[in-house]
Amino acid sequence: MGAACTSQQIYVNDGAIMSRARKVAVLPLVNLTSYPNAGQIVGNLMNTELMAMTNFNVIEQTKMLAVIRGEKGLLDEKIDRAVATKIGKKLGVDTIIYGSVNEFRYKRGLDENPAAGVTISMLDLQNNKIIWSGSRAATGGCFWFCEDSLSLLAQNICHHLVSNMVKGH
């Protein structure tokens, strides 16, 4: 698959990310789209990429959800920095990754090309500082015999964001 168009923006607090082993939880991403469960889908993809590409101790999604579902209303709130901090303390982690899915759809036209956009932040709970933040949006597009899927495009976006996170840019 070739991405026809991408856009990316990154913020990093130099040296802080890989300075130590981290216990990380990826919160369900806020779904700002009309696609059902886009936040959960992309959050799971982000979790998988973190497990594959980092030495972080990443909490498995079902375990994390079981802990925070016991807290009435936490998942119903818009997950911002204050809510992320509260959940992180409940989970006993030192790092929380949270954010939103801004676009997750197939664009209508001659061909239906996938389009996705994700924004995430990495919050160090010990210092209460955002140490990394990034957003990436892309549309798929290829010619003949190629299969573009929305899930594959979202996985590619998550891969690029985690890759930049690990590199510190």
N, C-alpha and C. Protein backbone atom coordinates (compact mmCIF):
# COMPACT_ATOMS: atom_id res chain seq x y z
N MET A 1 0.84 -1.17 0.00
CA MET A 1 0.00 0.00 0.00
C MET A 1 0.88 1.23 0.00
N GLY A 2 0.55 2.19 -0.78
CA GLY A 2 1.27 3.44 -0.77
C GLY A 2 0.36 4.53 -0.30
N ALA A 3 0.80 5.30 0.62
CA ALA A 3 -0.01 6.40 1.12
C ALA A 3 0.07 7.53 0.11
N ALA A 4 -1.06 7.96 -0.34
CA ALA A 4 -1.10 9.00 -1.35
C ALA A 4 -0.76 10.36 -0.77
N CYS A 5 -1.13 10.58 0.46
CA CYS A 5 -0.90 11.88 1.07
C CYS A 5 -0.81 11.72 2.57
N THR A 6 0.23 12.30 3.17
CA THR A 6 0.35 12.25 4.63
C THR A 6 0.73 13.61 5.16
N SER A 7 0.39 13.82 6.42
CA SER A 7 0.77 15.03 7.12
C SER A 7 1.10 14.62 8.55
N GLN A 8 2.14 15.23 9.12
CA GLN A 8 2.56 14.83 10.46
C GLN A 8 3.10 16.04 11.21
N GLN A 9 2.82 16.07 12.52
CA GLN A 9 3.35 17.09 13.40
C GLN A 9 3.80 16.40 14.68
N ILE A 10 4.98 16.74 15.20
CA ILE A 10 5.56 16.07 16.37
C ILE A 10 6.07 17.10 17.36
N TYR A 11 5.89 16.83 18.65
CA TYR A 11 6.53 17.58 19.73
C TYR A 11 7.26 16.56 20.59
N VAL A 12 8.47 16.86 21.00
CA VAL A 12 9.21 15.96 21.87
C VAL A 12 10.00 16.75 22.92
N ASN A 13 10.03 16.21 24.13
CA ASN A 13 10.86 16.73 25.20
C ASN A 13 12.12 15.89 25.16
N ASP A 14 13.17 16.37 24.53
CA ASP A 14 14.37 15.59 24.23
C ASP A 14 14.88 14.75 25.39
N GLY A 15 15.21 13.50 25.08
CA GLY A 15 15.87 12.61 26.01
C GLY A 15 14.98 11.98 27.07
N ALA A 16 13.79 12.46 27.25
CA ALA A 16 12.96 11.99 28.35
C ALA A 16 12.29 10.64 28.08
N ILE A 17 12.02 10.32 26.84
CA ILE A 17 11.23 9.14 26.53
C ILE A 17 11.95 7.84 26.85
N MET A 18 13.14 7.68 26.33
CA MET A 18 13.85 6.43 26.50
C MET A 18 14.84 6.48 27.66
N SER A 19 14.69 7.47 28.54
CA SER A 19 15.63 7.64 29.64
C SER A 19 15.55 6.52 30.67
N ARG A 20 14.45 5.78 30.67
CA ARG A 20 14.30 4.67 31.61
C ARG A 20 13.20 3.73 31.10
N ALA A 21 13.16 2.55 31.69
CA ALA A 21 12.09 1.62 31.36
C ALA A 21 10.77 2.22 31.86
N ARG A 22 9.76 2.11 31.09
CA ARG A 22 8.49 2.70 31.44
C ARG A 22 7.39 1.65 31.54
N LYS A 23 6.49 1.84 32.49
CA LYS A 23 5.27 1.05 32.57
C LYS A 23 4.18 1.93 31.97
N VAL A 24 3.63 1.48 30.83
CA VAL A 24 2.78 2.33 30.00
C VAL A 24 1.38 1.73 29.84
N ALA A 25 0.39 2.60 29.84
CA ALA A 25 -0.98 2.22 29.48
C ALA A 25 -1.43 3.12 28.34
N VAL A 26 -2.02 2.50 27.33
CA VAL A 26 -2.62 3.25 26.22
C VAL A 26 -4.12 3.30 26.50
N LEU A 27 -4.62 4.49 26.76
CA LEU A 27 -6.04 4.64 27.02
C LEU A 27 -6.83 4.55 25.73
N PRO A 28 -8.10 4.17 25.82
CA PRO A 28 -8.92 4.18 24.62
C PRO A 28 -8.92 5.59 24.03
N LEU A 29 -8.66 5.69 22.75
CA LEU A 29 -8.61 7.00 22.12
C LEU A 29 -10.03 7.54 21.94
N VAL A 30 -10.18 8.84 22.12
CA VAL A 30 -11.48 9.47 21.95
C VAL A 30 -11.84 9.42 20.46
N ASN A 31 -13.01 8.94 20.18
CA ASN A 31 -13.48 8.82 18.81
C ASN A 31 -14.21 10.09 18.39
N LEU A 32 -13.54 10.90 17.56
CA LEU A 32 -14.15 12.15 17.08
C LEU A 32 -14.73 11.96 15.68
N THR A 33 -14.94 10.71 15.29
CA THR A 33 -15.45 10.39 13.96
C THR A 33 -16.84 9.79 14.08
N SER A 34 -17.46 9.55 12.93
CA SER A 34 -18.76 8.88 12.93
C SER A 34 -18.61 7.37 12.78
N TYR A 35 -17.37 6.88 12.64
CA TYR A 35 -17.13 5.45 12.49
C TYR A 35 -17.21 4.79 13.87
N PRO A 36 -18.08 3.80 14.05
CA PRO A 36 -18.22 3.17 15.37
C PRO A 36 -16.91 2.53 15.84
N ASN A 37 -16.57 2.76 17.09
CA ASN A 37 -15.41 2.14 17.75
C ASN A 37 -14.05 2.51 17.16
N ALA A 38 -13.95 3.58 16.41
CA ALA A 38 -12.66 3.97 15.81
C ALA A 38 -11.60 4.21 16.88
N GLY A 39 -11.98 4.79 18.01
CA GLY A 39 -11.03 5.04 19.09
C GLY A 39 -10.46 3.76 19.67
N GLN A 40 -11.32 2.78 19.87
CA GLN A 40 -10.88 1.49 20.40
C GLN A 40 -10.01 0.75 19.38
N ILE A 41 -10.40 0.78 18.12
CA ILE A 41 -9.64 0.11 17.05
C ILE A 41 -8.23 0.68 16.97
N VAL A 42 -8.11 1.99 16.87
CA VAL A 42 -6.80 2.62 16.73
C VAL A 42 -6.00 2.50 18.03
N GLY A 43 -6.67 2.56 19.18
CA GLY A 43 -5.98 2.36 20.45
C GLY A 43 -5.35 0.98 20.54
N ASN A 44 -6.05 -0.04 20.06
CA ASN A 44 -5.50 -1.40 20.04
C ASN A 44 -4.31 -1.50 19.09
N LEU A 45 -4.39 -0.84 17.94
CA LEU A 45 -3.27 -0.82 17.00
C LEU A 45 -2.06 -0.12 17.62
N MET A 46 -2.30 0.98 18.33
CA MET A 46 -1.22 1.72 18.98
C MET A 46 -0.56 0.84 20.05
N ASN A 47 -1.37 0.14 20.81
CA ASN A 47 -0.86 -0.76 21.85
C ASN A 47 0.05 -1.83 21.24
N THR A 48 -0.38 -2.42 20.14
CA THR A 48 0.41 -3.45 19.47
C THR A 48 1.73 -2.90 18.96
N GLU A 49 1.71 -1.72 18.36
CA GLU A 49 2.94 -1.12 17.85
C GLU A 49 3.91 -0.81 18.99
N LEU A 50 3.41 -0.32 20.11
CA LEU A 50 4.27 -0.05 21.27
C LEU A 50 4.91 -1.33 21.79
N MET A 51 4.14 -2.40 21.85
CA MET A 51 4.67 -3.68 22.33
C MET A 51 5.75 -4.21 21.38
N ALA A 52 5.55 -4.01 20.10
CA ALA A 52 6.48 -4.53 19.09
C ALA A 52 7.75 -3.70 18.96
N MET A 53 7.66 -2.39 19.19
CA MET A 53 8.77 -1.51 18.85
C MET A 53 9.52 -0.90 20.02
N THR A 54 9.04 -1.12 21.25
CA THR A 54 9.71 -0.50 22.40
C THR A 54 10.03 -1.55 23.46
N ASN A 55 10.80 -1.12 24.44
CA ASN A 55 11.05 -1.99 25.59
C ASN A 55 10.15 -1.59 26.76
N PHE A 56 9.11 -0.84 26.49
CA PHE A 56 8.17 -0.43 27.53
C PHE A 56 7.40 -1.65 28.03
N ASN A 57 7.04 -1.62 29.30
CA ASN A 57 6.15 -2.62 29.87
C ASN A 57 4.74 -2.10 29.62
N VAL A 58 4.13 -2.56 28.52
CA VAL A 58 2.82 -2.05 28.10
C VAL A 58 1.72 -2.92 28.70
N ILE A 59 0.80 -2.29 29.39
CA ILE A 59 -0.32 -3.02 29.98
C ILE A 59 -1.24 -3.49 28.86
N GLU A 60 -1.59 -4.76 28.91
CA GLU A 60 -2.47 -5.35 27.90
C GLU A 60 -3.85 -4.69 28.00
N GLN A 61 -4.47 -4.45 26.85
CA GLN A 61 -5.71 -3.67 26.78
C GLN A 61 -6.85 -4.22 27.63
N THR A 62 -7.09 -5.52 27.59
CA THR A 62 -8.23 -6.05 28.35
C THR A 62 -8.01 -5.90 29.85
N LYS A 63 -6.78 -6.05 30.30
CA LYS A 63 -6.46 -5.86 31.72
C LYS A 63 -6.68 -4.39 32.10
N MET A 64 -6.23 -3.48 31.27
CA MET A 64 -6.39 -2.06 31.54
C MET A 64 -7.87 -1.69 31.59
N LEU A 65 -8.64 -2.19 30.63
CA LEU A 65 -10.07 -1.87 30.60
C LEU A 65 -10.81 -2.45 31.80
N ALA A 66 -10.41 -3.65 32.23
CA ALA A 66 -11.05 -4.26 33.41
C ALA A 66 -10.84 -3.40 34.65
N VAL A 67 -9.67 -2.81 34.79
CA VAL A 67 -9.38 -1.96 35.95
C VAL A 67 -10.18 -0.67 35.89
N ILE A 68 -10.19 -0.01 34.75
CA ILE A 68 -10.85 1.30 34.70
C ILE A 68 -12.36 1.22 34.51
N ARG A 69 -12.88 0.08 34.07
CA ARG A 69 -14.34 -0.04 33.97
C ARG A 69 -14.99 -0.04 35.34
N GLY A 70 -14.24 -0.44 36.35
CA GLY A 70 -14.75 -0.43 37.71
C GLY A 70 -14.98 0.99 38.23
N GLU A 71 -14.34 1.95 37.61
CA GLU A 71 -14.49 3.35 37.99
C GLU A 71 -15.62 3.96 37.17
N LYS A 72 -16.77 4.10 37.78
CA LYS A 72 -17.93 4.63 37.06
C LYS A 72 -17.62 5.97 36.42
N GLY A 73 -17.92 6.06 35.14
CA GLY A 73 -17.82 7.34 34.45
C GLY A 73 -16.47 7.70 33.87
N LEU A 74 -15.38 7.02 34.24
CA LEU A 74 -14.07 7.42 33.72
C LEU A 74 -14.00 7.30 32.21
N LEU A 75 -14.56 6.22 31.67
CA LEU A 75 -14.50 6.05 30.21
C LEU A 75 -15.54 6.90 29.50
N ASP A 76 -16.52 7.40 30.25
CA ASP A 76 -17.55 8.23 29.63
C ASP A 76 -17.10 9.67 29.47
N GLU A 77 -16.08 10.04 30.25
CA GLU A 77 -15.57 11.41 30.18
C GLU A 77 -14.68 11.57 28.95
N LYS A 78 -14.55 12.82 28.50
CA LYS A 78 -13.56 13.12 27.48
C LYS A 78 -12.21 12.92 28.14
N ILE A 79 -11.37 12.07 27.54
CA ILE A 79 -10.10 11.77 28.18
C ILE A 79 -9.10 12.88 27.85
N ASP A 80 -8.92 13.74 28.83
CA ASP A 80 -7.94 14.82 28.71
C ASP A 80 -6.82 14.53 29.72
N ARG A 81 -5.96 15.48 29.90
CA ARG A 81 -4.80 15.28 30.77
C ARG A 81 -5.19 14.94 32.21
N ALA A 82 -6.21 15.62 32.74
CA ALA A 82 -6.63 15.37 34.13
C ALA A 82 -7.20 13.96 34.29
N VAL A 83 -8.04 13.54 33.36
CA VAL A 83 -8.61 12.19 33.41
C VAL A 83 -7.52 11.15 33.18
N ALA A 84 -6.60 11.41 32.25
CA ALA A 84 -5.49 10.49 31.99
C ALA A 84 -4.64 10.30 33.24
N THR A 85 -4.39 11.39 33.97
CA THR A 85 -3.62 11.31 35.21
C THR A 85 -4.33 10.45 36.25
N LYS A 86 -5.64 10.67 36.40
CA LYS A 86 -6.43 9.91 37.36
C LYS A 86 -6.41 8.41 37.02
N ILE A 87 -6.59 8.09 35.75
CA ILE A 87 -6.58 6.68 35.33
C ILE A 87 -5.19 6.08 35.51
N GLY A 88 -4.15 6.82 35.16
CA GLY A 88 -2.78 6.33 35.31
C GLY A 88 -2.45 5.96 36.74
N LYS A 89 -2.89 6.78 37.67
CA LYS A 89 -2.65 6.49 39.09
C LYS A 89 -3.42 5.25 39.51
N LYS A 90 -4.64 5.11 39.03
CA LYS A 90 -5.46 3.93 39.34
C LYS A 90 -4.79 2.66 38.81
N LEU A 91 -4.16 2.75 37.63
CA LEU A 91 -3.51 1.60 37.01
C LEU A 91 -2.12 1.32 37.58
N GLY A 92 -1.53 2.28 38.27
CA GLY A 92 -0.20 2.10 38.82
C GLY A 92 0.90 2.16 37.78
N VAL A 93 0.69 2.96 36.74
CA VAL A 93 1.70 3.13 35.69
C VAL A 93 2.41 4.46 35.87
N ASP A 94 3.53 4.62 35.18
CA ASP A 94 4.22 5.90 35.25
C ASP A 94 4.05 6.72 33.98
N THR A 95 3.47 6.10 32.95
CA THR A 95 3.30 6.78 31.67
C THR A 95 1.94 6.42 31.08
N ILE A 96 1.24 7.43 30.59
CA ILE A 96 -0.06 7.24 29.95
C ILE A 96 0.03 7.80 28.53
N ILE A 97 -0.53 7.04 27.60
CA ILE A 97 -0.67 7.54 26.23
C ILE A 97 -2.17 7.70 25.97
N TYR A 98 -2.56 8.89 25.56
CA TYR A 98 -3.96 9.18 25.32
C TYR A 98 -4.07 10.10 24.11
N GLY A 99 -5.26 10.21 23.57
CA GLY A 99 -5.44 11.09 22.42
C GLY A 99 -6.77 10.85 21.74
N SER A 100 -6.78 11.10 20.44
CA SER A 100 -8.04 11.00 19.70
C SER A 100 -7.82 10.50 18.28
N VAL A 101 -8.89 9.96 17.74
CA VAL A 101 -8.95 9.61 16.33
C VAL A 101 -9.78 10.71 15.68
N ASN A 102 -9.14 11.48 14.80
CA ASN A 102 -9.78 12.65 14.21
C ASN A 102 -10.48 12.33 12.89
N GLU A 103 -10.02 11.29 12.23
CA GLU A 103 -10.62 10.87 10.96
C GLU A 103 -10.42 9.37 10.82
N PHE A 104 -11.46 8.69 10.36
CA PHE A 104 -11.40 7.25 10.16
C PHE A 104 -12.56 6.90 9.24
N ARG A 105 -12.28 6.89 7.94
CA ARG A 105 -13.37 6.69 6.98
C ARG A 105 -12.83 6.33 5.61
N TYR A 106 -13.74 5.99 4.74
CA TYR A 106 -13.42 5.83 3.32
C TYR A 106 -13.95 7.06 2.61
N LYS A 107 -13.07 7.72 1.84
CA LYS A 107 -13.48 8.90 1.09
C LYS A 107 -14.25 8.47 -0.15
N ARG A 108 -15.33 9.11 -0.39
CA ARG A 108 -16.15 8.81 -1.56
C ARG A 108 -15.54 9.48 -2.79
N GLY A 109 -15.66 8.81 -3.90
CA GLY A 109 -15.14 9.34 -5.15
C GLY A 109 -15.17 8.23 -6.18
N LEU A 110 -14.32 8.32 -7.19
CA LEU A 110 -14.25 7.24 -8.16
C LEU A 110 -13.88 5.93 -7.48
N ASP A 111 -12.92 6.02 -6.61
CA ASP A 111 -12.55 4.90 -5.77
C ASP A 111 -12.75 5.35 -4.33
N GLU A 112 -13.02 4.40 -3.46
CA GLU A 112 -13.14 4.74 -2.05
C GLU A 112 -11.80 4.53 -1.37
N ASN A 113 -11.07 5.62 -1.17
CA ASN A 113 -9.77 5.54 -0.53
C ASN A 113 -9.90 5.76 0.97
N PRO A 114 -9.15 4.99 1.76
CA PRO A 114 -9.21 5.19 3.21
C PRO A 114 -8.53 6.49 3.62
N ALA A 115 -9.02 7.06 4.69
CA ALA A 115 -8.43 8.27 5.27
C ALA A 115 -8.49 8.14 6.78
N ALA A 116 -7.38 8.46 7.44
CA ALA A 116 -7.34 8.36 8.90
C ALA A 116 -6.45 9.45 9.46
N GLY A 117 -6.78 9.88 10.67
CA GLY A 117 -5.97 10.87 11.37
C GLY A 117 -5.98 10.56 12.86
N VAL A 118 -4.81 10.62 13.49
CA VAL A 118 -4.65 10.27 14.90
C VAL A 118 -3.78 11.32 15.59
N THR A 119 -4.15 11.70 16.79
CA THR A 119 -3.35 12.59 17.63
C THR A 119 -3.15 11.91 18.97
N ILE A 120 -1.90 11.79 19.42
CA ILE A 120 -1.64 11.17 20.73
C ILE A 120 -0.62 12.00 21.52
N SER A 121 -0.70 11.85 22.83
CA SER A 121 0.26 12.48 23.74
C SER A 121 0.75 11.43 24.72
N MET A 122 2.00 11.59 25.13
CA MET A 122 2.63 10.71 26.12
C MET A 122 2.88 11.54 27.37
N LEU A 123 2.21 11.16 28.46
CA LEU A 123 2.27 11.90 29.72
C LEU A 123 3.10 11.12 30.74
N ASP A 124 4.17 11.75 31.23
CA ASP A 124 4.99 11.18 32.30
C ASP A 124 4.33 11.59 33.61
N LEU A 125 3.77 10.61 34.32
CA LEU A 125 3.02 10.92 35.54
C LEU A 125 3.91 11.35 36.70
N GLN A 126 5.16 10.89 36.74
CA GLN A 126 6.05 11.28 37.83
C GLN A 126 6.37 12.77 37.80
N ASN A 127 6.51 13.32 36.59
CA ASN A 127 6.82 14.75 36.45
C ASN A 127 5.61 15.57 36.03
N ASN A 128 4.49 14.89 35.76
CA ASN A 128 3.28 15.53 35.26
C ASN A 128 3.57 16.41 34.04
N LYS A 129 4.35 15.83 33.09
CA LYS A 129 4.72 16.57 31.88
C LYS A 129 4.42 15.73 30.64
N ILE A 130 3.98 16.42 29.60
CA ILE A 130 3.86 15.79 28.29
C ILE A 130 5.28 15.69 27.75
N ILE A 131 5.74 14.47 27.50
CA ILE A 131 7.11 14.31 27.00
C ILE A 131 7.16 14.02 25.51
N TRP A 132 6.00 13.71 24.93
CA TRP A 132 5.96 13.50 23.49
C TRP A 132 4.52 13.67 23.04
N SER A 133 4.35 14.26 21.89
CA SER A 133 3.02 14.40 21.31
C SER A 133 3.16 14.38 19.80
N GLY A 134 2.24 13.73 19.15
CA GLY A 134 2.31 13.67 17.70
C GLY A 134 0.95 13.51 17.08
N SER A 135 0.84 13.95 15.86
CA SER A 135 -0.38 13.73 15.09
C SER A 135 0.04 13.37 13.67
N ARG A 136 -0.73 12.50 13.09
CA ARG A 136 -0.45 12.07 11.72
C ARG A 136 -1.78 11.79 11.04
N ALA A 137 -1.89 12.26 9.82
CA ALA A 137 -3.08 12.01 9.00
C ALA A 137 -2.60 11.51 7.65
N ALA A 138 -3.36 10.60 7.08
CA ALA A 138 -2.97 10.05 5.79
C ALA A 138 -4.20 9.59 5.03
N THR A 139 -4.06 9.59 3.73
CA THR A 139 -5.07 8.98 2.88
C THR A 139 -4.37 7.89 2.08
N GLY A 140 -5.05 6.82 1.88
CA GLY A 140 -4.51 5.74 1.07
C GLY A 140 -4.83 6.01 -0.38
N GLY A 141 -4.05 5.42 -1.21
CA GLY A 141 -4.30 5.56 -2.63
C GLY A 141 -3.31 4.72 -3.38
N CYS A 142 -3.80 3.90 -4.23
CA CYS A 142 -2.91 3.10 -5.04
C CYS A 142 -3.63 2.78 -6.33
N PHE A 143 -2.88 2.28 -7.24
CA PHE A 143 -3.42 2.02 -8.56
C PHE A 143 -3.43 0.52 -8.81
N TRP A 144 -4.48 0.08 -9.44
CA TRP A 144 -4.64 -1.32 -9.85
C TRP A 144 -4.27 -2.31 -8.76
N PHE A 145 -4.75 -3.41 -8.73
CA PHE A 145 -4.40 -4.61 -7.96
C PHE A 145 -3.89 -4.39 -6.55
N CYS A 146 -4.16 -3.31 -5.95
CA CYS A 146 -3.67 -3.13 -4.60
C CYS A 146 -4.86 -2.99 -3.69
N GLU A 147 -4.73 -3.51 -2.51
CA GLU A 147 -5.84 -3.51 -1.58
C GLU A 147 -5.56 -2.50 -0.49
N ASP A 148 -6.29 -1.43 -0.51
CA ASP A 148 -6.18 -0.42 0.54
C ASP A 148 -7.27 -0.68 1.56
N SER A 149 -6.89 -0.83 2.80
CA SER A 149 -7.90 -0.96 3.84
C SER A 149 -7.69 0.13 4.88
N LEU A 150 -8.76 0.49 5.52
CA LEU A 150 -8.72 1.51 6.56
C LEU A 150 -7.87 1.04 7.74
N SER A 151 -8.00 -0.23 8.09
CA SER A 151 -7.22 -0.78 9.20
C SER A 151 -5.72 -0.75 8.89
N LEU A 152 -5.35 -1.10 7.68
CA LEU A 152 -3.94 -1.09 7.30
C LEU A 152 -3.38 0.34 7.32
N LEU A 153 -4.16 1.28 6.84
CA LEU A 153 -3.73 2.68 6.88
C LEU A 153 -3.55 3.15 8.33
N ALA A 154 -4.50 2.81 9.20
CA ALA A 154 -4.41 3.20 10.62
C ALA A 154 -3.20 2.54 11.29
N GLN A 155 -2.93 1.29 10.96
CA GLN A 155 -1.76 0.61 11.52
C GLN A 155 -0.48 1.30 11.07
N ASN A 156 -0.43 1.71 9.81
CA ASN A 156 0.73 2.42 9.27
C ASN A 156 0.93 3.75 10.01
N ILE A 157 -0.15 4.46 10.28
CA ILE A 157 -0.07 5.72 11.02
C ILE A 157 0.47 5.47 12.43
N CYS A 158 -0.05 4.46 13.11
CA CYS A 158 0.42 4.13 14.47
C CYS A 158 1.89 3.74 14.44
N HIS A 159 2.29 2.98 13.43
CA HIS A 159 3.69 2.57 13.30
C HIS A 159 4.60 3.79 13.18
N HIS A 160 4.22 4.74 12.33
CA HIS A 160 5.02 5.95 12.15
C HIS A 160 5.07 6.78 13.43
N LEU A 161 3.95 6.90 14.12
CA LEU A 161 3.96 7.69 15.35
C LEU A 161 4.86 7.05 16.41
N VAL A 162 4.76 5.74 16.61
CA VAL A 162 5.59 5.07 17.60
C VAL A 162 7.07 5.12 17.18
N SER A 163 7.33 4.95 15.90
CA SER A 163 8.71 5.04 15.41
C SER A 163 9.32 6.39 15.73
N ASN A 164 8.57 7.46 15.50
CA ASN A 164 9.04 8.81 15.82
C ASN A 164 9.18 9.00 17.32
N MET A 165 8.29 8.41 18.09
CA MET A 165 8.35 8.49 19.54
C MET A 165 9.65 7.87 20.04
N VAL A 166 9.96 6.70 19.55
CA VAL A 166 11.15 5.96 19.99
C VAL A 166 12.44 6.69 19.57
N LYS A 167 12.41 7.27 18.39
CA LYS A 167 13.59 8.02 17.90
C LYS A 167 13.75 9.35 18.61
N GLY A 168 12.69 9.80 19.28
CA GLY A 168 12.75 11.08 19.98
C GLY A 168 12.56 12.26 19.06
N HIS A 169 11.83 12.05 17.97
CA HIS A 169 11.47 13.20 17.11
C HIS A 169 10.16 12.95 16.44
